[in-house]
Amino acid sequence: MHILLTAATTFEIQPVTDYLKQPDQQGRSHTFHTCITGIGMMATTWQLAQSIRQQRPDYIIQAGIAGSFSPHFPPGRVVIVEREIVGDLGVEENGRFKDIFEMGLQREGNDPAAAQWLINPTASNWEGQGLALVRGVTINEISTRPARIEHFQQNLSATVETMEGAALHYVGLQEDIPFVQLRSISNFVGIRDKQQWKMKEAITALNEQLINILKTL
């Protein structure tokens, strides 16, 4: 297979890119291409589209860090995002957020890429890795307001928050390319003091799990 490995930033997957350059990896059966998209949904969508156009992959792996909404998923925990939703595409009125589906601006149909929840149909294939399958919400503005955080927790039952996940799910579903989104928790959503974040530990755990996944492909 030709596998596209993508992340928002280089440092999130640097250990894995170093691993793939090792001499004993040159004879592997799969080929890999790395795409560093930059931060955010727009950059990710465009970069993924460009990479697919240049060399269509058989599989896409997105890896990165994430914020957690749940005490059951503390920093250092690695998860697979089974379904994604865009968390800030809509309107906030009377203290309540409504997305474009609730507003009636878009209807759900038979196209999985046009659904409110962008569901990865092959995520369950990775349950054997011992990783929890969770719900993710993708946002443009990192959540800090308690009311917005509560909305994501209570109304969406979201476990993690990222800025690129929905873009991967959307592109993968539109292009009919199997994919997986791997996330490592670096912090609890709402904590802005980065001294309390476990960035180094999260990246270490992410890359260890990612190498395990590469070995099973």
N, C-alpha and C. Protein backbone atom coordinates (compact mmCIF):
# COMPACT_ATOMS: atom_id res chain seq x y z
N MET A 1 0.83 -1.20 0.00
CA MET A 1 0.00 0.00 0.00
C MET A 1 0.87 1.25 0.00
N HIS A 2 0.30 2.31 -0.56
CA HIS A 2 0.91 3.63 -0.42
C HIS A 2 0.13 4.36 0.67
N ILE A 3 0.84 4.77 1.71
CA ILE A 3 0.20 5.35 2.89
C ILE A 3 0.60 6.81 3.03
N LEU A 4 -0.40 7.66 3.22
CA LEU A 4 -0.17 9.08 3.47
C LEU A 4 -0.23 9.32 4.97
N LEU A 5 0.88 9.76 5.54
CA LEU A 5 0.96 10.08 6.96
C LEU A 5 0.91 11.58 7.10
N THR A 6 -0.09 12.08 7.83
CA THR A 6 -0.28 13.52 7.90
C THR A 6 -0.41 14.01 9.34
N ALA A 7 0.05 15.23 9.56
CA ALA A 7 -0.04 15.88 10.86
C ALA A 7 -0.07 17.39 10.63
N ALA A 8 -0.54 18.11 11.61
CA ALA A 8 -0.59 19.56 11.49
C ALA A 8 0.79 20.19 11.56
N THR A 9 1.65 19.62 12.40
CA THR A 9 3.00 20.17 12.58
C THR A 9 4.03 19.06 12.53
N THR A 10 5.26 19.42 12.19
CA THR A 10 6.33 18.44 12.06
C THR A 10 6.67 17.78 13.39
N PHE A 11 6.72 18.57 14.46
CA PHE A 11 7.21 18.02 15.73
C PHE A 11 6.29 16.96 16.31
N GLU A 12 5.00 16.96 15.91
CA GLU A 12 4.07 15.97 16.45
C GLU A 12 4.43 14.56 16.01
N ILE A 13 5.01 14.41 14.82
CA ILE A 13 5.33 13.07 14.31
C ILE A 13 6.81 12.91 13.96
N GLN A 14 7.66 13.79 14.49
CA GLN A 14 9.08 13.71 14.16
C GLN A 14 9.69 12.36 14.51
N PRO A 15 9.39 11.76 15.67
CA PRO A 15 9.97 10.45 15.97
C PRO A 15 9.61 9.38 14.93
N VAL A 16 8.40 9.45 14.40
CA VAL A 16 7.99 8.46 13.41
C VAL A 16 8.67 8.71 12.07
N THR A 17 8.80 9.96 11.67
CA THR A 17 9.50 10.24 10.41
C THR A 17 10.96 9.81 10.51
N ASP A 18 11.56 9.98 11.69
CA ASP A 18 12.93 9.49 11.90
C ASP A 18 12.97 7.96 11.82
N TYR A 19 11.96 7.33 12.38
CA TYR A 19 11.87 5.86 12.36
C TYR A 19 11.78 5.34 10.93
N LEU A 20 11.00 6.01 10.09
CA LEU A 20 10.82 5.56 8.71
C LEU A 20 12.07 5.75 7.87
N LYS A 21 12.99 6.59 8.34
CA LYS A 21 14.25 6.82 7.60
C LYS A 21 15.33 5.81 7.96
N GLN A 22 15.10 4.99 8.96
CA GLN A 22 16.10 4.03 9.38
C GLN A 22 16.38 3.02 8.26
N PRO A 23 17.62 2.59 8.12
CA PRO A 23 17.99 1.66 7.03
C PRO A 23 17.16 0.38 7.00
N ASP A 24 16.82 -0.14 8.17
CA ASP A 24 16.08 -1.41 8.18
C ASP A 24 14.62 -1.24 7.80
N GLN A 25 14.20 0.03 7.58
CA GLN A 25 12.83 0.28 7.14
C GLN A 25 12.72 0.44 5.64
N GLN A 26 13.85 0.51 4.95
CA GLN A 26 13.82 0.77 3.52
C GLN A 26 13.24 -0.39 2.71
N GLY A 27 13.30 -1.59 3.26
CA GLY A 27 12.79 -2.74 2.53
C GLY A 27 11.36 -3.11 2.88
N ARG A 28 10.66 -2.26 3.59
CA ARG A 28 9.30 -2.56 4.00
C ARG A 28 8.37 -2.67 2.79
N SER A 29 7.25 -3.34 3.00
CA SER A 29 6.34 -3.61 1.88
C SER A 29 5.49 -2.41 1.51
N HIS A 30 5.32 -1.46 2.42
CA HIS A 30 4.50 -0.28 2.14
C HIS A 30 5.37 0.93 1.85
N THR A 31 4.85 1.85 1.08
CA THR A 31 5.53 3.12 0.87
C THR A 31 4.79 4.20 1.64
N PHE A 32 5.53 5.21 2.09
CA PHE A 32 4.97 6.26 2.92
C PHE A 32 5.29 7.63 2.33
N HIS A 33 4.33 8.52 2.44
CA HIS A 33 4.54 9.93 2.10
C HIS A 33 4.02 10.75 3.26
N THR A 34 4.78 11.75 3.67
CA THR A 34 4.39 12.60 4.80
C THR A 34 3.87 13.94 4.30
N CYS A 35 2.75 14.35 4.88
CA CYS A 35 2.14 15.64 4.54
C CYS A 35 1.94 16.44 5.82
N ILE A 36 2.68 17.54 5.96
CA ILE A 36 2.50 18.45 7.10
C ILE A 36 1.56 19.55 6.62
N THR A 37 0.36 19.55 7.16
CA THR A 37 -0.70 20.39 6.61
C THR A 37 -0.70 21.83 7.11
N GLY A 38 -0.15 22.04 8.31
CA GLY A 38 -0.38 23.32 8.96
C GLY A 38 -1.62 23.20 9.84
N ILE A 39 -1.87 24.20 10.64
CA ILE A 39 -2.93 24.15 11.65
C ILE A 39 -4.26 24.63 11.07
N GLY A 40 -5.32 23.91 11.38
CA GLY A 40 -6.66 24.36 11.01
C GLY A 40 -7.29 23.53 9.90
N MET A 41 -8.63 23.65 9.80
CA MET A 41 -9.39 22.87 8.84
C MET A 41 -9.11 23.26 7.40
N MET A 42 -9.01 24.56 7.13
CA MET A 42 -8.81 25.00 5.75
C MET A 42 -7.47 24.52 5.21
N ALA A 43 -6.40 24.74 5.99
CA ALA A 43 -5.07 24.31 5.54
C ALA A 43 -5.02 22.80 5.36
N THR A 44 -5.63 22.07 6.28
CA THR A 44 -5.60 20.61 6.21
C THR A 44 -6.35 20.10 4.98
N THR A 45 -7.52 20.65 4.73
CA THR A 45 -8.30 20.22 3.58
C THR A 45 -7.54 20.45 2.28
N TRP A 46 -6.95 21.63 2.14
CA TRP A 46 -6.23 21.96 0.91
C TRP A 46 -4.99 21.09 0.73
N GLN A 47 -4.22 20.92 1.79
CA GLN A 47 -3.00 20.14 1.70
C GLN A 47 -3.30 18.66 1.42
N LEU A 48 -4.33 18.13 2.03
CA LEU A 48 -4.69 16.75 1.77
C LEU A 48 -5.13 16.58 0.31
N ALA A 49 -5.91 17.53 -0.17
CA ALA A 49 -6.36 17.46 -1.57
C ALA A 49 -5.18 17.51 -2.52
N GLN A 50 -4.20 18.35 -2.22
CA GLN A 50 -3.02 18.45 -3.06
C GLN A 50 -2.23 17.13 -3.05
N SER A 51 -2.05 16.56 -1.87
CA SER A 51 -1.29 15.31 -1.76
C SER A 51 -1.98 14.18 -2.50
N ILE A 52 -3.30 14.11 -2.37
CA ILE A 52 -4.06 13.06 -3.05
C ILE A 52 -3.97 13.22 -4.56
N ARG A 53 -4.00 14.46 -5.01
CA ARG A 53 -3.92 14.72 -6.45
C ARG A 53 -2.55 14.32 -7.01
N GLN A 54 -1.51 14.56 -6.22
CA GLN A 54 -0.16 14.25 -6.70
C GLN A 54 0.11 12.74 -6.69
N GLN A 55 -0.32 12.06 -5.66
CA GLN A 55 -0.15 10.61 -5.57
C GLN A 55 -1.23 10.05 -4.66
N ARG A 56 -2.22 9.44 -5.27
CA ARG A 56 -3.37 8.97 -4.51
C ARG A 56 -2.97 7.83 -3.56
N PRO A 57 -3.22 8.00 -2.27
CA PRO A 57 -2.83 6.96 -1.32
C PRO A 57 -3.89 5.86 -1.21
N ASP A 58 -3.48 4.73 -0.69
CA ASP A 58 -4.42 3.65 -0.38
C ASP A 58 -4.99 3.81 1.02
N TYR A 59 -4.26 4.57 1.85
CA TYR A 59 -4.69 4.75 3.24
C TYR A 59 -4.10 6.05 3.76
N ILE A 60 -4.87 6.74 4.62
CA ILE A 60 -4.41 7.99 5.22
C ILE A 60 -4.39 7.83 6.74
N ILE A 61 -3.29 8.20 7.35
CA ILE A 61 -3.17 8.22 8.80
C ILE A 61 -2.92 9.65 9.24
N GLN A 62 -3.82 10.18 10.06
CA GLN A 62 -3.60 11.50 10.65
C GLN A 62 -3.24 11.31 12.12
N ALA A 63 -2.18 11.96 12.56
CA ALA A 63 -1.74 11.82 13.95
C ALA A 63 -1.48 13.21 14.53
N GLY A 64 -1.78 13.35 15.81
CA GLY A 64 -1.54 14.64 16.45
C GLY A 64 -2.01 14.65 17.89
N ILE A 65 -1.85 15.78 18.52
CA ILE A 65 -2.28 15.94 19.91
C ILE A 65 -3.70 16.49 19.94
N ALA A 66 -4.31 16.43 21.10
CA ALA A 66 -5.69 16.90 21.25
C ALA A 66 -5.95 17.30 22.69
N GLY A 67 -7.00 18.08 22.87
CA GLY A 67 -7.47 18.40 24.21
C GLY A 67 -8.58 17.44 24.59
N SER A 68 -8.70 17.16 25.88
CA SER A 68 -9.70 16.21 26.36
C SER A 68 -10.80 16.92 27.14
N PHE A 69 -12.04 16.44 26.92
CA PHE A 69 -13.19 16.93 27.69
C PHE A 69 -13.50 16.04 28.88
N SER A 70 -12.83 14.89 28.97
CA SER A 70 -13.23 13.88 29.95
C SER A 70 -12.09 13.53 30.91
N PRO A 71 -12.40 13.43 32.21
CA PRO A 71 -11.37 12.98 33.17
C PRO A 71 -10.97 11.54 32.95
N HIS A 72 -11.78 10.80 32.20
CA HIS A 72 -11.43 9.41 31.89
C HIS A 72 -10.35 9.31 30.82
N PHE A 73 -10.06 10.44 30.18
CA PHE A 73 -9.03 10.48 29.14
C PHE A 73 -8.04 11.59 29.47
N PRO A 74 -7.13 11.31 30.39
CA PRO A 74 -6.17 12.32 30.84
C PRO A 74 -5.01 12.47 29.87
N PRO A 75 -4.18 13.48 30.08
CA PRO A 75 -2.99 13.66 29.25
C PRO A 75 -2.13 12.40 29.20
N GLY A 76 -1.66 12.07 27.99
CA GLY A 76 -0.87 10.87 27.77
C GLY A 76 -1.65 9.72 27.21
N ARG A 77 -2.99 9.81 27.26
CA ARG A 77 -3.84 8.75 26.71
C ARG A 77 -3.93 8.92 25.19
N VAL A 78 -3.87 7.82 24.47
CA VAL A 78 -3.97 7.83 23.01
C VAL A 78 -5.30 7.20 22.61
N VAL A 79 -6.01 7.84 21.68
CA VAL A 79 -7.32 7.37 21.24
C VAL A 79 -7.42 7.41 19.72
N ILE A 80 -8.44 6.75 19.21
CA ILE A 80 -8.79 6.84 17.80
C ILE A 80 -10.14 7.53 17.71
N VAL A 81 -10.22 8.56 16.88
CA VAL A 81 -11.47 9.30 16.72
C VAL A 81 -12.33 8.57 15.70
N GLU A 82 -13.47 8.08 16.16
CA GLU A 82 -14.36 7.30 15.31
C GLU A 82 -15.31 8.19 14.51
N ARG A 83 -15.70 9.32 15.10
CA ARG A 83 -16.59 10.25 14.40
C ARG A 83 -16.25 11.68 14.77
N GLU A 84 -16.48 12.58 13.82
CA GLU A 84 -16.11 13.98 13.98
C GLU A 84 -17.29 14.90 13.66
N ILE A 85 -17.28 16.07 14.27
CA ILE A 85 -18.26 17.09 13.97
C ILE A 85 -17.56 18.45 14.01
N VAL A 86 -17.98 19.36 13.15
CA VAL A 86 -17.45 20.72 13.19
C VAL A 86 -18.20 21.47 14.28
N GLY A 87 -17.48 21.96 15.26
CA GLY A 87 -18.12 22.48 16.46
C GLY A 87 -18.50 23.94 16.44
N ASP A 88 -18.06 24.69 15.42
CA ASP A 88 -18.35 26.13 15.45
C ASP A 88 -18.88 26.65 14.12
N LEU A 89 -19.51 25.77 13.33
CA LEU A 89 -20.12 26.19 12.08
C LEU A 89 -21.62 26.31 12.30
N GLY A 90 -22.06 27.53 12.57
CA GLY A 90 -23.46 27.74 12.88
C GLY A 90 -23.68 29.09 13.52
N VAL A 91 -24.58 29.13 14.49
CA VAL A 91 -24.92 30.40 15.14
C VAL A 91 -25.15 30.15 16.63
N GLU A 92 -24.79 31.15 17.43
CA GLU A 92 -25.09 31.11 18.86
C GLU A 92 -26.12 32.17 19.15
N GLU A 93 -27.26 31.76 19.66
CA GLU A 93 -28.33 32.70 19.98
C GLU A 93 -29.05 32.24 21.24
N ASN A 94 -29.44 33.20 22.04
CA ASN A 94 -30.12 32.93 23.31
C ASN A 94 -29.33 31.96 24.18
N GLY A 95 -28.00 32.11 24.12
CA GLY A 95 -27.14 31.30 24.95
C GLY A 95 -27.00 29.86 24.50
N ARG A 96 -27.45 29.54 23.29
CA ARG A 96 -27.37 28.16 22.80
C ARG A 96 -26.79 28.15 21.39
N PHE A 97 -25.91 27.17 21.12
CA PHE A 97 -25.30 27.05 19.81
C PHE A 97 -26.10 26.09 18.94
N LYS A 98 -26.35 26.48 17.70
CA LYS A 98 -27.01 25.62 16.72
C LYS A 98 -26.11 25.50 15.50
N ASP A 99 -25.90 24.26 15.05
CA ASP A 99 -25.09 24.09 13.85
C ASP A 99 -25.97 24.24 12.61
N ILE A 100 -25.38 24.12 11.42
CA ILE A 100 -26.12 24.39 10.19
C ILE A 100 -27.21 23.36 9.93
N PHE A 101 -27.11 22.19 10.54
CA PHE A 101 -28.16 21.19 10.39
C PHE A 101 -29.36 21.57 11.24
N GLU A 102 -29.11 21.99 12.46
CA GLU A 102 -30.20 22.43 13.34
C GLU A 102 -30.86 23.70 12.81
N MET A 103 -30.08 24.52 12.11
CA MET A 103 -30.62 25.75 11.54
C MET A 103 -31.42 25.50 10.27
N GLY A 104 -31.33 24.30 9.73
CA GLY A 104 -32.03 23.98 8.51
C GLY A 104 -31.33 24.44 7.25
N LEU A 105 -30.07 24.84 7.37
CA LEU A 105 -29.32 25.30 6.21
C LEU A 105 -28.75 24.14 5.41
N GLN A 106 -28.64 22.98 6.05
CA GLN A 106 -28.15 21.79 5.35
C GLN A 106 -28.89 20.57 5.87
N ARG A 107 -29.24 19.69 4.95
CA ARG A 107 -29.94 18.48 5.31
C ARG A 107 -29.02 17.27 5.17
N GLU A 108 -29.26 16.31 6.02
CA GLU A 108 -28.49 15.08 5.91
C GLU A 108 -29.07 14.22 4.79
N GLY A 109 -28.18 13.59 4.04
CA GLY A 109 -28.62 12.73 2.95
C GLY A 109 -27.89 11.41 2.98
N ASN A 110 -27.83 10.77 1.83
CA ASN A 110 -27.16 9.48 1.73
C ASN A 110 -25.65 9.61 1.68
N ASP A 111 -25.15 10.80 1.38
CA ASP A 111 -23.71 11.02 1.29
C ASP A 111 -23.13 11.14 2.70
N PRO A 112 -22.26 10.22 3.12
CA PRO A 112 -21.71 10.29 4.48
C PRO A 112 -20.88 11.53 4.73
N ALA A 113 -20.37 12.17 3.66
CA ALA A 113 -19.58 13.38 3.85
C ALA A 113 -20.45 14.61 4.04
N ALA A 114 -21.77 14.46 3.86
CA ALA A 114 -22.68 15.59 4.04
C ALA A 114 -23.50 15.44 5.32
N ALA A 115 -23.06 14.55 6.20
CA ALA A 115 -23.77 14.30 7.44
C ALA A 115 -23.28 15.21 8.55
N GLN A 116 -24.11 15.37 9.56
CA GLN A 116 -23.72 16.18 10.73
C GLN A 116 -22.48 15.57 11.39
N TRP A 117 -22.50 14.26 11.58
CA TRP A 117 -21.36 13.54 12.12
C TRP A 117 -20.62 12.85 10.98
N LEU A 118 -19.34 13.11 10.88
CA LEU A 118 -18.49 12.50 9.85
C LEU A 118 -17.89 11.23 10.44
N ILE A 119 -18.48 10.10 10.08
CA ILE A 119 -18.16 8.82 10.73
C ILE A 119 -17.15 8.04 9.90
N ASN A 120 -16.09 7.57 10.57
CA ASN A 120 -15.10 6.73 9.92
C ASN A 120 -15.62 5.29 9.91
N PRO A 121 -15.97 4.74 8.75
CA PRO A 121 -16.56 3.39 8.71
C PRO A 121 -15.59 2.27 9.02
N THR A 122 -14.30 2.56 9.02
CA THR A 122 -13.30 1.51 9.27
C THR A 122 -12.58 1.67 10.61
N ALA A 123 -13.03 2.60 11.45
CA ALA A 123 -12.34 2.85 12.72
C ALA A 123 -12.31 1.62 13.60
N SER A 124 -13.37 0.80 13.54
CA SER A 124 -13.43 -0.38 14.40
C SER A 124 -12.35 -1.41 14.07
N ASN A 125 -11.74 -1.28 12.90
CA ASN A 125 -10.67 -2.21 12.53
C ASN A 125 -9.48 -2.12 13.48
N TRP A 126 -9.39 -1.00 14.20
CA TRP A 126 -8.23 -0.78 15.07
C TRP A 126 -8.52 -1.07 16.54
N GLU A 127 -9.68 -1.63 16.82
CA GLU A 127 -10.00 -1.92 18.22
C GLU A 127 -9.03 -2.92 18.83
N GLY A 128 -8.41 -3.74 18.00
CA GLY A 128 -7.44 -4.70 18.50
C GLY A 128 -6.19 -4.07 19.05
N GLN A 129 -5.98 -2.79 18.78
CA GLN A 129 -4.82 -2.07 19.32
C GLN A 129 -5.05 -1.66 20.77
N GLY A 130 -6.24 -1.88 21.28
CA GLY A 130 -6.54 -1.52 22.67
C GLY A 130 -6.80 -0.04 22.85
N LEU A 131 -7.13 0.67 21.77
CA LEU A 131 -7.39 2.10 21.84
C LEU A 131 -8.88 2.37 21.82
N ALA A 132 -9.31 3.30 22.66
CA ALA A 132 -10.72 3.65 22.71
C ALA A 132 -11.12 4.40 21.45
N LEU A 133 -12.33 4.12 20.96
CA LEU A 133 -12.91 4.86 19.85
C LEU A 133 -13.78 5.97 20.43
N VAL A 134 -13.49 7.21 20.07
CA VAL A 134 -14.14 8.33 20.71
C VAL A 134 -14.74 9.29 19.69
N ARG A 135 -15.52 10.24 20.20
CA ARG A 135 -16.08 11.31 19.38
C ARG A 135 -15.18 12.54 19.47
N GLY A 136 -14.98 13.19 18.33
CA GLY A 136 -14.16 14.39 18.31
C GLY A 136 -14.94 15.58 17.79
N VAL A 137 -14.58 16.75 18.26
CA VAL A 137 -15.14 17.99 17.75
C VAL A 137 -13.98 18.84 17.24
N THR A 138 -14.14 19.37 16.03
CA THR A 138 -13.11 20.20 15.41
C THR A 138 -13.56 21.65 15.43
N ILE A 139 -12.65 22.54 15.84
CA ILE A 139 -12.99 23.95 16.02
C ILE A 139 -11.93 24.85 15.38
N ASN A 140 -12.30 26.08 15.14
CA ASN A 140 -11.36 27.08 14.66
C ASN A 140 -10.78 27.88 15.82
N GLU A 141 -11.55 28.04 16.87
CA GLU A 141 -11.12 28.79 18.05
C GLU A 141 -11.07 27.85 19.24
N ILE A 142 -9.90 27.71 19.85
CA ILE A 142 -9.75 26.81 20.99
C ILE A 142 -10.75 27.18 22.08
N SER A 143 -11.45 26.18 22.58
CA SER A 143 -12.53 26.43 23.54
C SER A 143 -11.98 26.81 24.91
N THR A 144 -12.49 27.91 25.43
CA THR A 144 -12.13 28.36 26.77
C THR A 144 -13.37 28.70 27.60
N ARG A 145 -14.47 29.07 26.94
CA ARG A 145 -15.68 29.47 27.67
C ARG A 145 -16.38 28.25 28.26
N PRO A 146 -16.71 28.28 29.54
CA PRO A 146 -17.38 27.14 30.18
C PRO A 146 -18.67 26.72 29.48
N ALA A 147 -19.46 27.69 28.97
CA ALA A 147 -20.72 27.34 28.32
C ALA A 147 -20.48 26.54 27.04
N ARG A 148 -19.47 26.93 26.26
CA ARG A 148 -19.17 26.22 25.03
C ARG A 148 -18.61 24.82 25.33
N ILE A 149 -17.75 24.73 26.34
CA ILE A 149 -17.20 23.43 26.73
C ILE A 149 -18.31 22.50 27.20
N GLU A 150 -19.25 23.03 27.97
CA GLU A 150 -20.37 22.22 28.45
C GLU A 150 -21.23 21.74 27.28
N HIS A 151 -21.40 22.59 26.27
CA HIS A 151 -22.17 22.19 25.08
C HIS A 151 -21.53 20.99 24.40
N PHE A 152 -20.21 21.05 24.23
CA PHE A 152 -19.52 19.95 23.58
C PHE A 152 -19.60 18.67 24.41
N GLN A 153 -19.52 18.83 25.72
CA GLN A 153 -19.57 17.67 26.61
C GLN A 153 -20.97 17.07 26.69
N GLN A 154 -21.96 17.92 26.96
CA GLN A 154 -23.30 17.45 27.24
C GLN A 154 -24.12 17.15 25.99
N ASN A 155 -24.06 18.05 25.01
CA ASN A 155 -24.91 17.91 23.82
C ASN A 155 -24.29 17.04 22.74
N LEU A 156 -22.96 17.04 22.65
CA LEU A 156 -22.29 16.27 21.62
C LEU A 156 -21.59 15.02 22.14
N SER A 157 -21.44 14.93 23.45
CA SER A 157 -20.71 13.81 24.07
C SER A 157 -19.31 13.67 23.47
N ALA A 158 -18.69 14.82 23.18
CA ALA A 158 -17.35 14.80 22.59
C ALA A 158 -16.31 14.46 23.66
N THR A 159 -15.31 13.71 23.24
CA THR A 159 -14.21 13.34 24.13
C THR A 159 -12.98 14.20 23.89
N VAL A 160 -12.71 14.52 22.61
CA VAL A 160 -11.51 15.28 22.29
C VAL A 160 -11.84 16.46 21.38
N GLU A 161 -10.95 17.45 21.43
CA GLU A 161 -11.08 18.65 20.59
C GLU A 161 -9.79 18.84 19.80
N THR A 162 -9.94 19.05 18.49
CA THR A 162 -8.79 19.32 17.64
C THR A 162 -9.15 20.46 16.69
N MET A 163 -8.19 20.81 15.83
CA MET A 163 -8.44 21.85 14.83
C MET A 163 -8.34 21.32 13.40
N GLU A 164 -8.17 20.00 13.25
CA GLU A 164 -7.99 19.43 11.91
C GLU A 164 -8.76 18.14 11.66
N GLY A 165 -9.26 17.49 12.70
CA GLY A 165 -9.83 16.15 12.54
C GLY A 165 -10.96 16.05 11.54
N ALA A 166 -11.91 16.98 11.59
CA ALA A 166 -13.06 16.92 10.68
C ALA A 166 -12.63 17.05 9.23
N ALA A 167 -11.55 17.79 8.99
CA ALA A 167 -11.05 17.94 7.62
C ALA A 167 -10.60 16.59 7.07
N LEU A 168 -9.88 15.80 7.88
CA LEU A 168 -9.47 14.47 7.44
C LEU A 168 -10.68 13.60 7.13
N HIS A 169 -11.65 13.57 8.04
CA HIS A 169 -12.82 12.73 7.85
C HIS A 169 -13.59 13.15 6.60
N TYR A 170 -13.71 14.45 6.38
CA TYR A 170 -14.44 14.95 5.22
C TYR A 170 -13.75 14.55 3.92
N VAL A 171 -12.45 14.78 3.85
CA VAL A 171 -11.70 14.45 2.64
C VAL A 171 -11.69 12.94 2.41
N GLY A 172 -11.45 12.17 3.46
CA GLY A 172 -11.42 10.72 3.32
C GLY A 172 -12.74 10.16 2.81
N LEU A 173 -13.84 10.67 3.35
CA LEU A 173 -15.16 10.21 2.92
C LEU A 173 -15.47 10.66 1.50
N GLN A 174 -15.13 11.89 1.17
CA GLN A 174 -15.39 12.40 -0.17
C GLN A 174 -14.59 11.64 -1.22
N GLU A 175 -13.34 11.32 -0.89
CA GLU A 175 -12.47 10.65 -1.85
C GLU A 175 -12.57 9.13 -1.79
N ASP A 176 -13.32 8.62 -0.83
CA ASP A 176 -13.48 7.18 -0.64
C ASP A 176 -12.12 6.50 -0.42
N ILE A 177 -11.34 7.12 0.46
CA ILE A 177 -10.03 6.58 0.84
C ILE A 177 -10.09 6.20 2.33
N PRO A 178 -9.79 4.97 2.69
CA PRO A 178 -9.80 4.59 4.11
C PRO A 178 -8.81 5.45 4.91
N PHE A 179 -9.16 5.73 6.15
CA PHE A 179 -8.33 6.61 6.96
C PHE A 179 -8.49 6.27 8.44
N VAL A 180 -7.56 6.79 9.23
CA VAL A 180 -7.67 6.69 10.68
C VAL A 180 -7.09 7.96 11.29
N GLN A 181 -7.75 8.44 12.34
CA GLN A 181 -7.28 9.62 13.07
C GLN A 181 -6.82 9.19 14.46
N LEU A 182 -5.53 9.36 14.71
CA LEU A 182 -4.92 8.96 15.98
C LEU A 182 -4.59 10.23 16.77
N ARG A 183 -5.06 10.30 18.01
CA ARG A 183 -4.84 11.49 18.83
C ARG A 183 -4.30 11.12 20.21
N SER A 184 -3.37 11.94 20.68
CA SER A 184 -2.82 11.78 22.01
C SER A 184 -3.19 13.01 22.84
N ILE A 185 -3.68 12.79 24.03
CA ILE A 185 -4.16 13.89 24.87
C ILE A 185 -2.98 14.64 25.48
N SER A 186 -2.97 15.95 25.28
CA SER A 186 -1.91 16.79 25.85
C SER A 186 -2.41 17.64 27.00
N ASN A 187 -3.72 17.85 27.08
CA ASN A 187 -4.28 18.75 28.10
C ASN A 187 -5.79 18.57 28.19
N PHE A 188 -6.34 19.07 29.26
CA PHE A 188 -7.79 19.15 29.37
C PHE A 188 -8.26 20.45 28.74
N VAL A 189 -9.34 20.39 27.99
CA VAL A 189 -9.87 21.57 27.32
C VAL A 189 -10.24 22.63 28.37
N GLY A 190 -9.84 23.85 28.11
CA GLY A 190 -10.14 24.96 29.01
C GLY A 190 -8.95 25.40 29.84
N ILE A 191 -7.94 24.55 29.95
CA ILE A 191 -6.73 24.91 30.69
C ILE A 191 -5.78 25.62 29.72
N ARG A 192 -5.59 26.91 29.92
CA ARG A 192 -4.76 27.70 29.01
C ARG A 192 -3.32 27.82 29.49
N ASP A 193 -3.08 27.44 30.74
CA ASP A 193 -1.72 27.48 31.27
C ASP A 193 -0.95 26.29 30.71
N LYS A 194 -0.08 26.54 29.73
CA LYS A 194 0.61 25.44 29.06
C LYS A 194 1.62 24.74 29.96
N GLN A 195 1.92 25.34 31.10
CA GLN A 195 2.79 24.65 32.04
C GLN A 195 2.09 23.41 32.61
N GLN A 196 0.78 23.39 32.53
CA GLN A 196 0.01 22.25 33.01
C GLN A 196 -0.23 21.22 31.90
N TRP A 197 0.15 21.56 30.67
CA TRP A 197 0.00 20.62 29.56
C TRP A 197 1.11 19.57 29.62
N LYS A 198 0.83 18.40 29.11
CA LYS A 198 1.80 17.31 29.04
C LYS A 198 2.17 17.07 27.57
N MET A 199 2.71 18.09 26.94
CA MET A 199 2.99 18.02 25.51
C MET A 199 4.03 16.95 25.19
N LYS A 200 5.14 16.97 25.92
CA LYS A 200 6.21 16.01 25.64
C LYS A 200 5.73 14.59 25.83
N GLU A 201 5.02 14.35 26.92
CA GLU A 201 4.53 13.01 27.21
C GLU A 201 3.51 12.57 26.16
N ALA A 202 2.67 13.50 25.73
CA ALA A 202 1.65 13.18 24.73
C ALA A 202 2.29 12.79 23.40
N ILE A 203 3.31 13.53 22.99
CA ILE A 203 3.97 13.24 21.71
C ILE A 203 4.72 11.91 21.78
N THR A 204 5.34 11.63 22.92
CA THR A 204 6.02 10.34 23.08
C THR A 204 5.03 9.19 22.96
N ALA A 205 3.90 9.30 23.66
CA ALA A 205 2.88 8.25 23.62
C ALA A 205 2.29 8.12 22.22
N LEU A 206 2.07 9.24 21.55
CA LEU A 206 1.51 9.23 20.20
C LEU A 206 2.42 8.48 19.24
N ASN A 207 3.69 8.78 19.25
CA ASN A 207 4.61 8.17 18.30
C ASN A 207 4.87 6.71 18.61
N GLU A 208 4.88 6.34 19.87
CA GLU A 208 5.02 4.93 20.22
C GLU A 208 3.85 4.13 19.66
N GLN A 209 2.65 4.67 19.83
CA GLN A 209 1.46 3.96 19.33
C GLN A 209 1.41 3.97 17.81
N LEU A 210 1.85 5.07 17.22
CA LEU A 210 1.86 5.17 15.76
C LEU A 210 2.82 4.16 15.14
N ILE A 211 3.97 3.98 15.75
CA ILE A 211 4.93 2.98 15.24
C ILE A 211 4.32 1.57 15.36
N ASN A 212 3.61 1.31 16.45
CA ASN A 212 2.93 0.02 16.60
C ASN A 212 1.93 -0.20 15.48
N ILE A 213 1.20 0.86 15.14
CA ILE A 213 0.20 0.76 14.07
C ILE A 213 0.88 0.51 12.74
N LEU A 214 1.98 1.22 12.47
CA LEU A 214 2.68 1.02 11.20
C LEU A 214 3.17 -0.42 11.06
N LYS A 215 3.54 -1.02 12.18
CA LYS A 215 4.04 -2.39 12.14
C LYS A 215 2.93 -3.40 11.86
N THR A 216 1.69 -3.01 12.12
CA THR A 216 0.56 -3.95 11.90
C THR A 216 -0.04 -3.83 10.52
N LEU A 217 0.29 -2.80 9.77
CA LEU A 217 -0.32 -2.58 8.46
C LEU A 217 0.05 -3.71 7.49
